[in-house]
Amino acid sequence: MDKSFNPKRFFAVTHLLMLLAMGLSVNSWAQETRPEINITIHVMKEVRTVRDGKWTVDRVPVQSTQPGDILVYALTYSNSGETVARDVSVVDPLPGGTEYILDSAEVDDAEVLYSIDGGFSYQRPPITYEARKEDGTEETVAAPPHMYTHIKWLILSPIPPGASGRLSFKVKVQ
């Protein structure tokens, strides 16, 4: 079985999971009409090139990946429903075969939380866990980027009909 990272397969699975999460996390105050949150995901690869003697970073569509490549996942959410969406959260599992790049999550009016346990619990940064030392005692240590499994955005403001926002994060292909 091929376990290499496939951005197209990940895109399809992530999109489905996020739509399911959105369906469960949008609360509507009206009974007859509901907000309708739509999410689109674009995956781009960062490519460094020299232009006019200076390094620049371009984002290009992902055709293939290699270890060390930086991928940018840009998520756009919008409310195409007839009522305001409140208490919206977006959960995105980090793709297998990649490592989250610390402090790369960008948001429009949202709080970012992270999971290191497969999405069972979320923390605000700094992300920590209890590690057992050789003497049997435990200490709180910072979680390294390879431990991150999910990102969760809590959209802070209500999303009126027709409104949209943007979220993004970066990962490094292992």
N, C-alpha and C. Protein backbone atom coordinates (compact mmCIF):
# COMPACT_ATOMS: atom_id res chain seq x y z
N MET A 1 0.85 -1.18 0.00
CA MET A 1 0.00 0.00 0.00
C MET A 1 0.88 1.24 0.00
N ASP A 2 0.63 2.17 -0.89
CA ASP A 2 1.42 3.38 -1.02
C ASP A 2 1.02 4.36 0.09
N LYS A 3 1.97 4.66 0.99
CA LYS A 3 1.68 5.58 2.10
C LYS A 3 2.25 6.96 1.87
N SER A 4 2.69 7.26 0.66
CA SER A 4 3.23 8.58 0.37
C SER A 4 2.11 9.61 0.41
N PHE A 5 2.48 10.83 0.64
CA PHE A 5 1.51 11.93 0.73
C PHE A 5 0.93 12.22 -0.64
N ASN A 6 -0.39 12.25 -0.72
CA ASN A 6 -1.09 12.55 -1.97
C ASN A 6 -1.97 13.77 -1.71
N PRO A 7 -1.58 14.97 -2.19
CA PRO A 7 -2.36 16.18 -1.86
C PRO A 7 -3.77 16.15 -2.39
N LYS A 8 -4.02 15.50 -3.53
CA LYS A 8 -5.38 15.47 -4.06
C LYS A 8 -6.29 14.59 -3.21
N ARG A 9 -5.78 13.43 -2.76
CA ARG A 9 -6.57 12.56 -1.90
C ARG A 9 -6.82 13.26 -0.57
N PHE A 10 -5.80 13.91 -0.02
CA PHE A 10 -5.96 14.62 1.24
C PHE A 10 -6.99 15.74 1.10
N PHE A 11 -6.94 16.47 0.00
CA PHE A 11 -7.89 17.55 -0.24
C PHE A 11 -9.32 17.02 -0.17
N ALA A 12 -9.60 15.91 -0.84
CA ALA A 12 -10.95 15.36 -0.87
C ALA A 12 -11.40 14.93 0.52
N VAL A 13 -10.54 14.23 1.25
CA VAL A 13 -10.89 13.76 2.59
C VAL A 13 -11.06 14.93 3.55
N THR A 14 -10.13 15.88 3.50
CA THR A 14 -10.21 17.04 4.38
C THR A 14 -11.47 17.85 4.11
N HIS A 15 -11.79 18.05 2.85
CA HIS A 15 -12.98 18.82 2.49
C HIS A 15 -14.23 18.15 3.05
N LEU A 16 -14.35 16.83 2.92
CA LEU A 16 -15.49 16.10 3.45
C LEU A 16 -15.55 16.23 4.97
N LEU A 17 -14.42 16.05 5.65
CA LEU A 17 -14.41 16.15 7.11
C LEU A 17 -14.78 17.55 7.57
N MET A 18 -14.30 18.56 6.87
CA MET A 18 -14.62 19.92 7.28
C MET A 18 -16.08 20.23 7.05
N LEU A 19 -16.66 19.77 5.97
CA LEU A 19 -18.08 20.00 5.74
C LEU A 19 -18.91 19.32 6.82
N LEU A 20 -18.51 18.11 7.21
CA LEU A 20 -19.21 17.42 8.29
C LEU A 20 -19.08 18.21 9.59
N ALA A 21 -17.88 18.69 9.88
CA ALA A 21 -17.67 19.47 11.10
C ALA A 21 -18.49 20.75 11.08
N MET A 22 -18.54 21.40 9.94
CA MET A 22 -19.31 22.63 9.85
C MET A 22 -20.79 22.36 10.06
N GLY A 23 -21.28 21.28 9.50
CA GLY A 23 -22.69 20.95 9.66
C GLY A 23 -23.06 20.72 11.11
N LEU A 24 -22.10 20.22 11.89
CA LEU A 24 -22.36 19.95 13.30
C LEU A 24 -22.12 21.17 14.19
N SER A 25 -21.39 22.16 13.69
CA SER A 25 -21.00 23.25 14.58
C SER A 25 -21.70 24.58 14.31
N VAL A 26 -22.55 24.66 13.32
CA VAL A 26 -23.24 25.92 13.03
C VAL A 26 -24.57 25.91 13.78
N ASN A 27 -24.78 26.93 14.59
CA ASN A 27 -26.05 27.07 15.32
C ASN A 27 -26.88 28.15 14.68
N SER A 28 -28.14 27.89 14.48
CA SER A 28 -29.04 28.88 13.89
C SER A 28 -30.11 29.22 14.92
N TRP A 29 -30.42 30.50 14.99
CA TRP A 29 -31.43 30.95 15.93
C TRP A 29 -32.82 30.92 15.29
N ALA A 30 -32.91 30.77 14.00
CA ALA A 30 -34.20 30.71 13.31
C ALA A 30 -34.54 29.26 13.01
N GLN A 31 -35.81 28.90 13.11
CA GLN A 31 -36.23 27.52 12.85
C GLN A 31 -36.46 27.25 11.37
N GLU A 32 -37.06 28.20 10.63
CA GLU A 32 -37.41 27.93 9.24
C GLU A 32 -36.21 28.02 8.30
N THR A 33 -35.36 28.98 8.52
CA THR A 33 -34.20 29.15 7.64
C THR A 33 -32.93 28.91 8.43
N ARG A 34 -31.90 28.52 7.72
CA ARG A 34 -30.63 28.23 8.37
C ARG A 34 -29.50 28.88 7.58
N PRO A 35 -28.42 29.14 8.28
CA PRO A 35 -27.24 29.58 7.54
C PRO A 35 -26.71 28.39 6.74
N GLU A 36 -26.00 28.67 5.70
CA GLU A 36 -25.38 27.60 4.92
C GLU A 36 -23.92 27.95 4.73
N ILE A 37 -23.07 27.27 5.48
CA ILE A 37 -21.64 27.54 5.43
C ILE A 37 -21.00 26.67 4.36
N ASN A 38 -20.28 27.31 3.45
CA ASN A 38 -19.55 26.61 2.41
C ASN A 38 -18.06 26.83 2.64
N ILE A 39 -17.28 25.79 2.37
CA ILE A 39 -15.83 25.89 2.53
C ILE A 39 -15.16 25.43 1.24
N THR A 40 -14.20 26.22 0.80
CA THR A 40 -13.37 25.80 -0.31
C THR A 40 -11.93 25.74 0.19
N ILE A 41 -11.19 24.78 -0.33
CA ILE A 41 -9.81 24.58 0.07
C ILE A 41 -8.93 24.63 -1.17
N HIS A 42 -7.87 25.40 -1.08
CA HIS A 42 -6.88 25.45 -2.15
C HIS A 42 -5.54 25.07 -1.54
N VAL A 43 -4.83 24.16 -2.20
CA VAL A 43 -3.52 23.74 -1.76
C VAL A 43 -2.50 24.25 -2.77
N MET A 44 -1.54 24.99 -2.26
CA MET A 44 -0.48 25.54 -3.11
C MET A 44 0.87 25.13 -2.53
N LYS A 45 1.87 25.09 -3.39
CA LYS A 45 3.23 24.79 -2.96
C LYS A 45 4.04 26.07 -3.05
N GLU A 46 4.83 26.34 -2.00
CA GLU A 46 5.71 27.49 -2.03
C GLU A 46 6.99 27.10 -2.77
N VAL A 47 7.36 27.93 -3.74
CA VAL A 47 8.57 27.70 -4.52
C VAL A 47 9.43 28.95 -4.42
N ARG A 48 10.67 28.76 -4.00
CA ARG A 48 11.61 29.89 -3.88
C ARG A 48 12.40 30.02 -5.17
N THR A 49 12.44 31.25 -5.68
CA THR A 49 13.21 31.53 -6.90
C THR A 49 13.96 32.84 -6.71
N VAL A 50 14.97 33.04 -7.53
CA VAL A 50 15.72 34.29 -7.51
C VAL A 50 15.23 35.16 -8.67
N ARG A 51 14.81 36.37 -8.32
CA ARG A 51 14.38 37.36 -9.32
C ARG A 51 15.13 38.65 -9.07
N ASP A 52 15.76 39.13 -10.09
CA ASP A 52 16.52 40.38 -9.97
C ASP A 52 17.50 40.34 -8.80
N GLY A 53 18.11 39.18 -8.59
CA GLY A 53 19.10 39.03 -7.53
C GLY A 53 18.55 38.88 -6.14
N LYS A 54 17.21 38.76 -6.00
CA LYS A 54 16.58 38.62 -4.68
C LYS A 54 15.73 37.35 -4.65
N TRP A 55 15.72 36.71 -3.49
CA TRP A 55 14.88 35.53 -3.31
C TRP A 55 13.42 35.96 -3.20
N THR A 56 12.55 35.26 -3.90
CA THR A 56 11.11 35.49 -3.80
C THR A 56 10.43 34.15 -3.56
N VAL A 57 9.26 34.20 -3.01
CA VAL A 57 8.48 32.99 -2.77
C VAL A 57 7.21 33.10 -3.60
N ASP A 58 7.00 32.13 -4.48
CA ASP A 58 5.78 32.06 -5.27
C ASP A 58 4.97 30.88 -4.80
N ARG A 59 3.67 30.98 -4.96
CA ARG A 59 2.78 29.86 -4.67
C ARG A 59 2.26 29.32 -5.99
N VAL A 60 2.46 28.02 -6.19
CA VAL A 60 2.07 27.38 -7.45
C VAL A 60 1.17 26.18 -7.14
N PRO A 61 0.33 25.78 -8.09
CA PRO A 61 -0.50 24.58 -7.87
C PRO A 61 0.38 23.35 -7.59
N VAL A 62 -0.12 22.46 -6.77
CA VAL A 62 0.64 21.27 -6.40
C VAL A 62 0.47 20.20 -7.48
N GLN A 63 1.55 19.86 -8.12
CA GLN A 63 1.56 18.76 -9.09
C GLN A 63 2.15 17.51 -8.47
N SER A 64 3.19 17.69 -7.68
CA SER A 64 3.85 16.60 -6.97
C SER A 64 4.56 17.21 -5.76
N THR A 65 4.94 16.36 -4.83
CA THR A 65 5.64 16.85 -3.65
C THR A 65 6.88 16.01 -3.40
N GLN A 66 7.81 16.62 -2.68
CA GLN A 66 9.03 15.96 -2.25
C GLN A 66 9.27 16.34 -0.81
N PRO A 67 10.02 15.53 -0.07
CA PRO A 67 10.35 15.92 1.30
C PRO A 67 10.97 17.32 1.32
N GLY A 68 10.51 18.12 2.27
CA GLY A 68 11.00 19.48 2.41
C GLY A 68 10.11 20.53 1.76
N ASP A 69 9.21 20.11 0.86
CA ASP A 69 8.31 21.07 0.23
C ASP A 69 7.39 21.70 1.28
N ILE A 70 7.09 22.98 1.08
CA ILE A 70 6.16 23.70 1.95
C ILE A 70 4.84 23.83 1.20
N LEU A 71 3.76 23.33 1.83
CA LEU A 71 2.42 23.42 1.25
C LEU A 71 1.60 24.40 2.07
N VAL A 72 0.80 25.20 1.37
CA VAL A 72 -0.08 26.17 2.02
C VAL A 72 -1.51 25.72 1.76
N TYR A 73 -2.26 25.51 2.82
CA TYR A 73 -3.67 25.17 2.73
C TYR A 73 -4.47 26.43 3.04
N ALA A 74 -5.16 26.96 2.04
CA ALA A 74 -5.97 28.16 2.18
C ALA A 74 -7.44 27.76 2.15
N LEU A 75 -8.15 28.08 3.22
CA LEU A 75 -9.56 27.73 3.35
C LEU A 75 -10.38 29.02 3.32
N THR A 76 -11.39 29.04 2.50
CA THR A 76 -12.31 30.17 2.47
C THR A 76 -13.68 29.67 2.92
N TYR A 77 -14.27 30.34 3.89
CA TYR A 77 -15.63 29.98 4.32
C TYR A 77 -16.56 31.12 3.94
N SER A 78 -17.80 30.77 3.63
CA SER A 78 -18.80 31.78 3.28
C SER A 78 -20.17 31.29 3.73
N ASN A 79 -21.05 32.23 3.97
CA ASN A 79 -22.41 31.92 4.36
C ASN A 79 -23.33 32.23 3.18
N SER A 80 -23.79 31.19 2.51
CA SER A 80 -24.71 31.39 1.38
C SER A 80 -26.16 31.20 1.81
N GLY A 81 -26.39 31.06 3.11
CA GLY A 81 -27.75 30.90 3.62
C GLY A 81 -28.46 32.24 3.77
N GLU A 82 -29.63 32.18 4.37
CA GLU A 82 -30.45 33.37 4.52
C GLU A 82 -30.39 33.97 5.91
N THR A 83 -29.72 33.32 6.85
CA THR A 83 -29.63 33.84 8.21
C THR A 83 -28.17 33.87 8.65
N VAL A 84 -27.94 34.57 9.73
CA VAL A 84 -26.60 34.72 10.30
C VAL A 84 -26.14 33.38 10.90
N ALA A 85 -24.89 33.02 10.63
CA ALA A 85 -24.29 31.83 11.24
C ALA A 85 -23.53 32.26 12.49
N ARG A 86 -23.78 31.58 13.58
CA ARG A 86 -23.13 31.89 14.86
C ARG A 86 -22.40 30.66 15.38
N ASP A 87 -21.39 30.91 16.19
CA ASP A 87 -20.65 29.83 16.85
C ASP A 87 -20.08 28.83 15.84
N VAL A 88 -19.49 29.33 14.78
CA VAL A 88 -18.94 28.47 13.74
C VAL A 88 -17.53 28.05 14.13
N SER A 89 -17.24 26.78 13.97
CA SER A 89 -15.88 26.28 14.15
C SER A 89 -15.51 25.45 12.93
N VAL A 90 -14.25 25.51 12.58
CA VAL A 90 -13.73 24.75 11.46
C VAL A 90 -12.59 23.90 12.00
N VAL A 91 -12.66 22.60 11.75
CA VAL A 91 -11.62 21.67 12.20
C VAL A 91 -10.98 21.06 10.97
N ASP A 92 -9.66 21.07 10.94
CA ASP A 92 -8.95 20.49 9.81
C ASP A 92 -7.84 19.58 10.32
N PRO A 93 -7.89 18.29 9.96
CA PRO A 93 -6.78 17.41 10.33
C PRO A 93 -5.56 17.74 9.47
N LEU A 94 -4.40 17.69 10.07
CA LEU A 94 -3.17 17.93 9.30
C LEU A 94 -2.90 16.70 8.45
N PRO A 95 -2.45 16.90 7.21
CA PRO A 95 -2.25 15.77 6.32
C PRO A 95 -1.14 14.84 6.81
N GLY A 96 -1.37 13.53 6.66
CA GLY A 96 -0.34 12.56 6.98
C GLY A 96 0.88 12.81 6.12
N GLY A 97 2.04 12.51 6.65
CA GLY A 97 3.27 12.69 5.89
C GLY A 97 3.74 14.13 5.87
N THR A 98 3.13 14.99 6.71
CA THR A 98 3.55 16.38 6.79
C THR A 98 3.73 16.77 8.24
N GLU A 99 4.37 17.91 8.45
CA GLU A 99 4.58 18.47 9.78
C GLU A 99 4.12 19.92 9.77
N TYR A 100 3.29 20.27 10.74
CA TYR A 100 2.80 21.64 10.86
C TYR A 100 3.96 22.61 11.05
N ILE A 101 3.90 23.76 10.40
CA ILE A 101 4.91 24.81 10.59
C ILE A 101 4.36 25.76 11.65
N LEU A 102 5.05 25.79 12.80
CA LEU A 102 4.59 26.60 13.92
C LEU A 102 4.32 28.04 13.53
N ASP A 103 3.26 28.60 14.11
CA ASP A 103 2.86 30.00 13.92
C ASP A 103 2.49 30.33 12.47
N SER A 104 2.16 29.32 11.67
CA SER A 104 1.81 29.60 10.27
C SER A 104 0.30 29.76 10.05
N ALA A 105 -0.50 29.45 11.06
CA ALA A 105 -1.96 29.59 10.89
C ALA A 105 -2.31 31.06 10.81
N GLU A 106 -3.03 31.42 9.74
CA GLU A 106 -3.49 32.79 9.55
C GLU A 106 -5.01 32.77 9.56
N VAL A 107 -5.59 33.83 10.12
CA VAL A 107 -7.04 33.84 10.30
C VAL A 107 -7.63 35.21 10.05
N ASP A 108 -8.90 35.22 9.70
CA ASP A 108 -9.72 36.42 9.71
C ASP A 108 -10.67 36.27 10.89
N ASP A 109 -10.45 37.02 11.95
CA ASP A 109 -11.37 37.07 13.08
C ASP A 109 -11.70 35.69 13.66
N ALA A 110 -10.67 34.95 14.03
CA ALA A 110 -10.88 33.62 14.62
C ALA A 110 -9.81 33.35 15.66
N GLU A 111 -10.14 32.45 16.57
CA GLU A 111 -9.17 31.96 17.54
C GLU A 111 -8.70 30.60 17.05
N VAL A 112 -7.40 30.33 17.18
CA VAL A 112 -6.84 29.08 16.69
C VAL A 112 -6.47 28.19 17.87
N LEU A 113 -6.93 26.93 17.79
CA LEU A 113 -6.59 25.92 18.80
C LEU A 113 -5.93 24.75 18.07
N TYR A 114 -5.17 23.97 18.81
CA TYR A 114 -4.45 22.85 18.21
C TYR A 114 -4.67 21.58 19.02
N SER A 115 -4.58 20.44 18.32
CA SER A 115 -4.69 19.14 18.96
C SER A 115 -3.41 18.36 18.69
N ILE A 116 -2.99 17.61 19.70
CA ILE A 116 -1.86 16.69 19.53
C ILE A 116 -2.30 15.25 19.83
N ASP A 117 -3.62 15.06 19.98
CA ASP A 117 -4.13 13.74 20.33
C ASP A 117 -5.20 13.25 19.35
N GLY A 118 -5.04 13.57 18.09
CA GLY A 118 -5.98 13.08 17.08
C GLY A 118 -7.30 13.82 17.05
N GLY A 119 -7.37 15.01 17.63
CA GLY A 119 -8.59 15.80 17.59
C GLY A 119 -9.53 15.56 18.77
N PHE A 120 -9.07 14.85 19.80
CA PHE A 120 -9.92 14.62 20.98
C PHE A 120 -9.97 15.83 21.88
N SER A 121 -8.86 16.57 21.97
CA SER A 121 -8.84 17.77 22.80
C SER A 121 -8.02 18.84 22.07
N TYR A 122 -8.27 20.09 22.43
CA TYR A 122 -7.61 21.22 21.78
C TYR A 122 -7.06 22.18 22.84
N GLN A 123 -5.95 22.83 22.48
CA GLN A 123 -5.30 23.78 23.38
C GLN A 123 -4.97 25.07 22.64
N ARG A 124 -4.91 26.14 23.42
CA ARG A 124 -4.36 27.39 22.90
C ARG A 124 -2.84 27.29 23.01
N PRO A 125 -2.12 27.95 22.12
CA PRO A 125 -0.65 27.92 22.23
C PRO A 125 -0.20 28.55 23.54
N PRO A 126 0.89 28.12 24.11
CA PRO A 126 1.79 27.07 23.64
C PRO A 126 1.20 25.68 23.93
N ILE A 127 1.38 24.76 23.02
CA ILE A 127 0.84 23.41 23.14
C ILE A 127 1.82 22.59 23.97
N THR A 128 1.29 21.99 25.04
CA THR A 128 2.15 21.23 25.95
C THR A 128 1.54 19.86 26.23
N TYR A 129 2.35 19.01 26.79
CA TYR A 129 1.88 17.70 27.25
C TYR A 129 2.75 17.26 28.42
N GLU A 130 2.27 16.25 29.13
CA GLU A 130 3.00 15.71 30.27
C GLU A 130 3.90 14.58 29.80
N ALA A 131 5.19 14.71 30.05
CA ALA A 131 6.17 13.68 29.66
C ALA A 131 6.78 13.08 30.92
N ARG A 132 6.95 11.78 30.88
CA ARG A 132 7.55 11.08 32.02
C ARG A 132 9.06 11.11 31.88
N LYS A 133 9.72 11.56 32.95
CA LYS A 133 11.17 11.61 32.97
C LYS A 133 11.72 10.25 33.41
N GLU A 134 13.02 10.06 33.27
CA GLU A 134 13.66 8.77 33.63
C GLU A 134 13.44 8.40 35.08
N ASP A 135 13.33 9.40 35.96
CA ASP A 135 13.14 9.11 37.38
C ASP A 135 11.68 8.81 37.72
N GLY A 136 10.78 8.80 36.72
CA GLY A 136 9.38 8.47 36.94
C GLY A 136 8.48 9.66 37.19
N THR A 137 9.05 10.83 37.41
CA THR A 137 8.23 12.02 37.60
C THR A 137 7.80 12.55 36.24
N GLU A 138 6.79 13.39 36.27
CA GLU A 138 6.30 13.98 35.03
C GLU A 138 6.63 15.46 34.99
N GLU A 139 6.82 15.95 33.78
CA GLU A 139 7.04 17.37 33.58
C GLU A 139 6.25 17.83 32.38
N THR A 140 5.87 19.10 32.39
CA THR A 140 5.15 19.68 31.26
C THR A 140 6.18 20.17 30.25
N VAL A 141 6.04 19.70 29.01
CA VAL A 141 6.98 20.09 27.95
C VAL A 141 6.21 20.60 26.74
N ALA A 142 6.88 21.41 25.94
CA ALA A 142 6.29 21.94 24.72
C ALA A 142 6.20 20.83 23.67
N ALA A 143 5.07 20.75 22.99
CA ALA A 143 4.88 19.74 21.95
C ALA A 143 5.64 20.18 20.70
N PRO A 144 6.46 19.30 20.14
CA PRO A 144 7.14 19.64 18.88
C PRO A 144 6.14 19.60 17.72
N PRO A 145 6.44 20.29 16.62
CA PRO A 145 5.50 20.38 15.50
C PRO A 145 5.04 19.03 14.95
N HIS A 146 5.88 18.02 15.00
CA HIS A 146 5.47 16.73 14.43
C HIS A 146 4.35 16.07 15.23
N MET A 147 4.07 16.55 16.44
CA MET A 147 3.00 15.98 17.26
C MET A 147 1.63 16.57 16.92
N TYR A 148 1.59 17.71 16.26
CA TYR A 148 0.31 18.36 15.95
C TYR A 148 -0.49 17.49 14.99
N THR A 149 -1.78 17.30 15.28
CA THR A 149 -2.64 16.46 14.43
C THR A 149 -3.80 17.23 13.80
N HIS A 150 -4.29 18.27 14.46
CA HIS A 150 -5.46 19.01 13.98
C HIS A 150 -5.33 20.49 14.32
N ILE A 151 -6.00 21.31 13.50
CA ILE A 151 -6.16 22.74 13.79
C ILE A 151 -7.66 23.01 13.87
N LYS A 152 -8.04 23.83 14.84
CA LYS A 152 -9.44 24.20 14.99
C LYS A 152 -9.52 25.71 15.09
N TRP A 153 -10.35 26.29 14.24
CA TRP A 153 -10.58 27.73 14.26
C TRP A 153 -11.97 27.98 14.84
N LEU A 154 -12.06 28.86 15.82
CA LEU A 154 -13.34 29.31 16.37
C LEU A 154 -13.59 30.69 15.78
N ILE A 155 -14.58 30.79 14.89
CA ILE A 155 -14.89 32.07 14.25
C ILE A 155 -15.55 32.96 15.30
N LEU A 156 -14.95 34.10 15.57
CA LEU A 156 -15.38 34.94 16.69
C LEU A 156 -16.64 35.74 16.42
N SER A 157 -16.82 36.20 15.20
CA SER A 157 -17.97 37.04 14.88
C SER A 157 -19.03 36.25 14.14
N PRO A 158 -20.30 36.64 14.30
CA PRO A 158 -21.35 36.02 13.48
C PRO A 158 -21.03 36.25 12.00
N ILE A 159 -21.45 35.32 11.15
CA ILE A 159 -21.21 35.41 9.72
C ILE A 159 -22.55 35.71 9.04
N PRO A 160 -22.76 36.96 8.61
CA PRO A 160 -24.03 37.30 7.96
C PRO A 160 -24.14 36.63 6.59
N PRO A 161 -25.36 36.53 6.07
CA PRO A 161 -25.53 36.00 4.71
C PRO A 161 -24.65 36.78 3.72
N GLY A 162 -23.96 36.06 2.86
CA GLY A 162 -23.11 36.68 1.86
C GLY A 162 -21.70 36.99 2.33
N ALA A 163 -21.43 36.88 3.63
CA ALA A 163 -20.10 37.20 4.15
C ALA A 163 -19.17 36.01 4.01
N SER A 164 -17.87 36.30 4.03
CA SER A 164 -16.89 35.22 3.93
C SER A 164 -15.66 35.59 4.73
N GLY A 165 -14.79 34.61 4.92
CA GLY A 165 -13.53 34.81 5.62
C GLY A 165 -12.51 33.82 5.12
N ARG A 166 -11.30 33.98 5.60
CA ARG A 166 -10.21 33.16 5.10
C ARG A 166 -9.37 32.63 6.26
N LEU A 167 -8.93 31.39 6.13
CA LEU A 167 -8.06 30.73 7.09
C LEU A 167 -6.95 30.05 6.30
N SER A 168 -5.78 29.90 6.88
CA SER A 168 -4.74 29.16 6.18
C SER A 168 -3.71 28.64 7.18
N PHE A 169 -2.94 27.67 6.71
CA PHE A 169 -1.83 27.15 7.50
C PHE A 169 -0.82 26.52 6.54
N LYS A 170 0.39 26.30 7.06
CA LYS A 170 1.44 25.69 6.25
C LYS A 170 1.93 24.41 6.90
N VAL A 171 2.34 23.48 6.03
CA VAL A 171 2.95 22.23 6.48
C VAL A 171 4.20 21.97 5.63
N LYS A 172 5.07 21.16 6.20
CA LYS A 172 6.28 20.73 5.49
C LYS A 172 6.15 19.25 5.20
N VAL A 173 6.36 18.87 3.95
CA VAL A 173 6.27 17.46 3.55
C VAL A 173 7.47 16.72 4.13
N GLN A 174 7.21 15.59 4.77
CA GLN A 174 8.28 14.78 5.38
C GLN A 174 8.86 13.79 4.41
